[in-house]
Amino acid sequence: MTTYSGPARLTLVDGTRVSGMASLSTNQRGGIDGWGGTFRPDQVSAEVRDAADGLSLELPYDQVGEVAVTGVRKLLATQVLMSLAGRGPAPF
C-alpha cells in the first residue's frame, strides 16, 4: 500500500481550485487496484460542499488524479472533511 499525506488542490468542475490537505492511499481488493482518501479544504463554500464528480486532485510536482466525492463530513463550524474515491491511476 502506497500513501500520501500533504498539500493538494482540488479542481472543481467549473475550474475553481481549492487548496487544502489530502490523506490518500492505494488499496488492493480482490485483484482490483484502487485509491482514495480524504481532503480537508482550507476554505469551505457551497460549491465545495456540493462537489460530486468530474473533479481532479493535484499534488505537488504537477501530479494529478481524477476523483469523485463520496461523502462530506462537518468537522468544526468552518471545516469539512471530504471522502474521495480515485478514478484511474493514483497520482502518488
N, C-alpha and C. Protein backbone atom coordinates (compact mmCIF):
# COMPACT_ATOMS: atom_id res chain seq x y z
N MET A 1 0.85 -1.17 0.00
CA MET A 1 0.00 0.00 0.00
C MET A 1 0.90 1.24 0.00
N THR A 2 0.60 2.16 -0.90
CA THR A 2 1.32 3.42 -1.00
C THR A 2 0.45 4.52 -0.42
N THR A 3 1.07 5.50 0.24
CA THR A 3 0.30 6.57 0.86
C THR A 3 0.87 7.94 0.51
N TYR A 4 0.03 8.96 0.64
CA TYR A 4 0.44 10.36 0.51
C TYR A 4 -0.34 11.16 1.53
N SER A 5 0.34 12.05 2.22
CA SER A 5 -0.31 12.96 3.15
C SER A 5 0.38 14.31 3.04
N GLY A 6 -0.39 15.34 2.65
CA GLY A 6 0.21 16.65 2.50
C GLY A 6 -0.67 17.59 1.70
N PRO A 7 -0.07 18.69 1.21
CA PRO A 7 -0.85 19.70 0.49
C PRO A 7 -1.38 19.18 -0.84
N ALA A 8 -2.54 19.70 -1.23
CA ALA A 8 -3.15 19.31 -2.50
C ALA A 8 -4.12 20.41 -2.92
N ARG A 9 -4.50 20.37 -4.21
CA ARG A 9 -5.52 21.30 -4.71
C ARG A 9 -6.60 20.50 -5.43
N LEU A 10 -7.83 20.73 -5.03
CA LEU A 10 -8.98 20.10 -5.66
C LEU A 10 -9.51 21.06 -6.71
N THR A 11 -9.67 20.57 -7.96
CA THR A 11 -10.21 21.40 -9.03
C THR A 11 -11.64 20.98 -9.28
N LEU A 12 -12.56 21.94 -9.09
CA LEU A 12 -13.99 21.69 -9.27
C LEU A 12 -14.34 21.69 -10.75
N VAL A 13 -15.55 21.26 -11.09
CA VAL A 13 -16.00 21.15 -12.47
C VAL A 13 -15.89 22.49 -13.21
N ASP A 14 -16.16 23.60 -12.50
CA ASP A 14 -16.11 24.92 -13.14
C ASP A 14 -14.70 25.49 -13.24
N GLY A 15 -13.68 24.72 -12.81
CA GLY A 15 -12.30 25.16 -12.90
C GLY A 15 -11.76 25.83 -11.64
N THR A 16 -12.62 26.05 -10.65
CA THR A 16 -12.19 26.65 -9.38
C THR A 16 -11.22 25.70 -8.68
N ARG A 17 -10.11 26.25 -8.22
CA ARG A 17 -9.12 25.44 -7.49
C ARG A 17 -9.22 25.74 -6.00
N VAL A 18 -9.27 24.67 -5.21
CA VAL A 18 -9.43 24.79 -3.76
C VAL A 18 -8.22 24.13 -3.10
N SER A 19 -7.46 24.90 -2.35
CA SER A 19 -6.28 24.37 -1.64
C SER A 19 -6.71 23.69 -0.35
N GLY A 20 -5.91 22.71 0.06
CA GLY A 20 -6.19 22.01 1.31
C GLY A 20 -5.16 20.93 1.59
N MET A 21 -5.51 20.02 2.48
CA MET A 21 -4.64 18.91 2.85
C MET A 21 -5.31 17.59 2.49
N ALA A 22 -4.52 16.70 1.89
CA ALA A 22 -5.05 15.39 1.48
C ALA A 22 -4.34 14.28 2.24
N SER A 23 -5.07 13.21 2.47
CA SER A 23 -4.53 11.99 3.04
C SER A 23 -5.04 10.86 2.16
N LEU A 24 -4.14 10.25 1.37
CA LEU A 24 -4.53 9.29 0.34
C LEU A 24 -3.78 7.97 0.50
N SER A 25 -4.39 6.90 0.00
CA SER A 25 -3.71 5.61 -0.01
C SER A 25 -4.24 4.75 -1.13
N THR A 26 -3.41 3.82 -1.55
CA THR A 26 -3.83 2.83 -2.54
C THR A 26 -4.35 1.61 -1.79
N ASN A 27 -5.20 0.83 -2.45
CA ASN A 27 -5.68 -0.41 -1.85
C ASN A 27 -5.85 -1.45 -2.94
N GLN A 28 -5.72 -2.68 -2.56
CA GLN A 28 -5.90 -3.79 -3.48
C GLN A 28 -6.91 -4.74 -2.86
N ARG A 29 -8.06 -4.84 -3.52
CA ARG A 29 -9.11 -5.73 -3.01
C ARG A 29 -9.56 -6.64 -4.14
N GLY A 30 -9.42 -7.90 -3.93
CA GLY A 30 -9.88 -8.87 -4.92
C GLY A 30 -9.21 -8.71 -6.27
N GLY A 31 -7.94 -8.32 -6.27
CA GLY A 31 -7.22 -8.18 -7.52
C GLY A 31 -7.48 -6.86 -8.23
N ILE A 32 -8.28 -5.99 -7.64
CA ILE A 32 -8.57 -4.70 -8.25
C ILE A 32 -7.79 -3.61 -7.52
N ASP A 33 -7.01 -2.85 -8.28
CA ASP A 33 -6.25 -1.75 -7.69
C ASP A 33 -7.13 -0.50 -7.64
N GLY A 34 -7.07 0.21 -6.54
CA GLY A 34 -7.83 1.45 -6.41
C GLY A 34 -7.12 2.39 -5.46
N TRP A 35 -7.65 3.59 -5.34
CA TRP A 35 -7.08 4.54 -4.41
C TRP A 35 -8.15 5.52 -3.96
N GLY A 36 -7.90 6.16 -2.86
CA GLY A 36 -8.85 7.13 -2.33
C GLY A 36 -8.32 7.70 -1.03
N GLY A 37 -9.18 8.45 -0.34
CA GLY A 37 -8.78 9.04 0.92
C GLY A 37 -9.65 10.21 1.28
N THR A 38 -9.04 11.21 1.92
CA THR A 38 -9.78 12.38 2.37
C THR A 38 -9.09 13.66 1.94
N PHE A 39 -9.89 14.73 1.88
CA PHE A 39 -9.38 16.07 1.56
C PHE A 39 -10.05 17.05 2.50
N ARG A 40 -9.24 17.89 3.14
CA ARG A 40 -9.76 18.94 4.03
C ARG A 40 -9.44 20.29 3.41
N PRO A 41 -10.45 20.94 2.81
CA PRO A 41 -10.19 22.23 2.15
C PRO A 41 -9.88 23.33 3.15
N ASP A 42 -9.01 24.28 2.74
CA ASP A 42 -8.69 25.42 3.58
C ASP A 42 -9.88 26.36 3.73
N GLN A 43 -10.64 26.52 2.64
CA GLN A 43 -11.82 27.38 2.63
C GLN A 43 -13.03 26.55 2.22
N VAL A 44 -14.15 26.74 2.89
CA VAL A 44 -15.36 25.98 2.57
C VAL A 44 -16.39 26.91 1.94
N SER A 45 -16.98 26.47 0.83
CA SER A 45 -18.04 27.22 0.17
C SER A 45 -19.15 26.24 -0.21
N ALA A 46 -20.26 26.77 -0.69
CA ALA A 46 -21.36 25.91 -1.14
C ALA A 46 -20.90 25.02 -2.29
N GLU A 47 -20.05 25.57 -3.18
CA GLU A 47 -19.55 24.79 -4.33
C GLU A 47 -18.72 23.61 -3.86
N VAL A 48 -17.91 23.82 -2.84
CA VAL A 48 -17.09 22.74 -2.30
C VAL A 48 -17.98 21.68 -1.65
N ARG A 49 -18.94 22.12 -0.85
CA ARG A 49 -19.84 21.17 -0.17
C ARG A 49 -20.66 20.35 -1.18
N ASP A 50 -21.02 20.96 -2.31
CA ASP A 50 -21.87 20.29 -3.30
C ASP A 50 -21.09 19.52 -4.36
N ALA A 51 -19.76 19.60 -4.33
CA ALA A 51 -18.94 18.92 -5.34
C ALA A 51 -19.19 17.41 -5.30
N ALA A 52 -19.21 16.78 -6.48
CA ALA A 52 -19.51 15.35 -6.50
C ALA A 52 -18.59 14.57 -7.45
N ASP A 53 -18.68 14.83 -8.73
CA ASP A 53 -17.97 14.01 -9.72
C ASP A 53 -17.29 14.91 -10.73
N GLY A 54 -16.36 14.33 -11.50
CA GLY A 54 -15.67 15.08 -12.54
C GLY A 54 -14.63 16.04 -11.99
N LEU A 55 -14.06 15.71 -10.85
CA LEU A 55 -13.09 16.58 -10.19
C LEU A 55 -11.68 16.03 -10.38
N SER A 56 -10.69 16.88 -10.15
CA SER A 56 -9.32 16.39 -10.16
C SER A 56 -8.60 16.89 -8.92
N LEU A 57 -7.63 16.11 -8.49
CA LEU A 57 -6.84 16.43 -7.31
C LEU A 57 -5.39 16.56 -7.75
N GLU A 58 -4.81 17.72 -7.49
CA GLU A 58 -3.43 17.98 -7.90
C GLU A 58 -2.52 17.96 -6.68
N LEU A 59 -1.47 17.15 -6.77
CA LEU A 59 -0.47 17.06 -5.72
C LEU A 59 0.76 17.85 -6.17
N PRO A 60 1.72 18.07 -5.28
CA PRO A 60 2.94 18.77 -5.68
C PRO A 60 3.61 18.09 -6.89
N TYR A 61 4.36 18.87 -7.64
CA TYR A 61 5.08 18.41 -8.82
C TYR A 61 4.14 18.00 -9.95
N ASP A 62 2.99 18.68 -10.03
CA ASP A 62 2.03 18.51 -11.14
C ASP A 62 1.50 17.09 -11.28
N GLN A 63 1.41 16.36 -10.20
CA GLN A 63 0.80 15.03 -10.22
C GLN A 63 -0.70 15.22 -10.04
N VAL A 64 -1.49 14.72 -11.01
CA VAL A 64 -2.94 14.94 -10.99
C VAL A 64 -3.68 13.61 -11.11
N GLY A 65 -4.74 13.46 -10.34
CA GLY A 65 -5.59 12.29 -10.42
C GLY A 65 -7.06 12.70 -10.43
N GLU A 66 -7.87 11.93 -11.14
CA GLU A 66 -9.32 12.19 -11.18
C GLU A 66 -9.96 11.59 -9.94
N VAL A 67 -10.91 12.35 -9.35
CA VAL A 67 -11.57 11.89 -8.13
C VAL A 67 -13.07 12.18 -8.16
N ALA A 68 -13.80 11.47 -7.32
CA ALA A 68 -15.22 11.73 -7.07
C ALA A 68 -15.39 11.84 -5.56
N VAL A 69 -16.27 12.72 -5.12
CA VAL A 69 -16.55 12.88 -3.70
C VAL A 69 -17.60 11.84 -3.31
N THR A 70 -17.30 11.04 -2.30
CA THR A 70 -18.24 10.02 -1.85
C THR A 70 -18.93 10.40 -0.54
N GLY A 71 -18.46 11.48 0.09
CA GLY A 71 -19.09 11.94 1.32
C GLY A 71 -18.44 13.22 1.83
N VAL A 72 -19.22 14.00 2.56
CA VAL A 72 -18.71 15.23 3.19
C VAL A 72 -19.16 15.23 4.64
N ARG A 73 -18.20 15.40 5.53
CA ARG A 73 -18.50 15.39 6.97
C ARG A 73 -18.04 16.70 7.59
N LYS A 74 -18.88 17.30 8.38
CA LYS A 74 -18.54 18.55 9.07
C LYS A 74 -17.63 18.23 10.25
N LEU A 75 -16.48 18.94 10.33
CA LEU A 75 -15.56 18.74 11.44
C LEU A 75 -15.79 19.78 12.52
N LEU A 76 -15.73 21.03 12.15
CA LEU A 76 -15.96 22.14 13.05
C LEU A 76 -16.93 23.08 12.35
N ALA A 77 -17.23 24.19 12.97
CA ALA A 77 -18.18 25.14 12.38
C ALA A 77 -17.73 25.61 11.00
N THR A 78 -16.42 25.66 10.77
CA THR A 78 -15.91 26.19 9.50
C THR A 78 -15.10 25.18 8.70
N GLN A 79 -15.07 23.91 9.08
CA GLN A 79 -14.26 22.92 8.37
C GLN A 79 -15.09 21.70 7.98
N VAL A 80 -14.72 21.11 6.83
CA VAL A 80 -15.33 19.85 6.40
C VAL A 80 -14.23 18.88 5.99
N LEU A 81 -14.55 17.62 6.01
CA LEU A 81 -13.66 16.56 5.55
C LEU A 81 -14.37 15.82 4.44
N MET A 82 -13.75 15.81 3.26
CA MET A 82 -14.36 15.18 2.09
C MET A 82 -13.75 13.81 1.87
N SER A 83 -14.58 12.79 1.69
CA SER A 83 -14.11 11.46 1.33
C SER A 83 -14.02 11.38 -0.18
N LEU A 84 -12.89 10.88 -0.69
CA LEU A 84 -12.65 10.82 -2.13
C LEU A 84 -12.43 9.40 -2.60
N ALA A 85 -12.91 9.11 -3.81
CA ALA A 85 -12.62 7.84 -4.49
C ALA A 85 -11.87 8.18 -5.76
N GLY A 86 -10.69 7.61 -5.92
CA GLY A 86 -9.87 7.88 -7.10
C GLY A 86 -10.39 7.16 -8.33
N ARG A 87 -10.15 7.77 -9.48
CA ARG A 87 -10.51 7.18 -10.78
C ARG A 87 -9.23 7.09 -11.60
N GLY A 88 -8.91 5.91 -12.06
CA GLY A 88 -7.69 5.75 -12.85
C GLY A 88 -6.46 5.63 -11.98
N PRO A 89 -5.28 5.88 -12.56
CA PRO A 89 -4.03 5.71 -11.82
C PRO A 89 -3.88 6.71 -10.67
N ALA A 90 -3.27 6.26 -9.59
CA ALA A 90 -3.02 7.12 -8.44
C ALA A 90 -1.91 8.12 -8.78
N PRO A 91 -2.04 9.38 -8.35
CA PRO A 91 -1.03 10.40 -8.67
C PRO A 91 0.14 10.44 -7.68
N PHE A 92 0.32 9.38 -6.90
CA PHE A 92 1.40 9.36 -5.91
C PHE A 92 2.07 8.02 -5.90
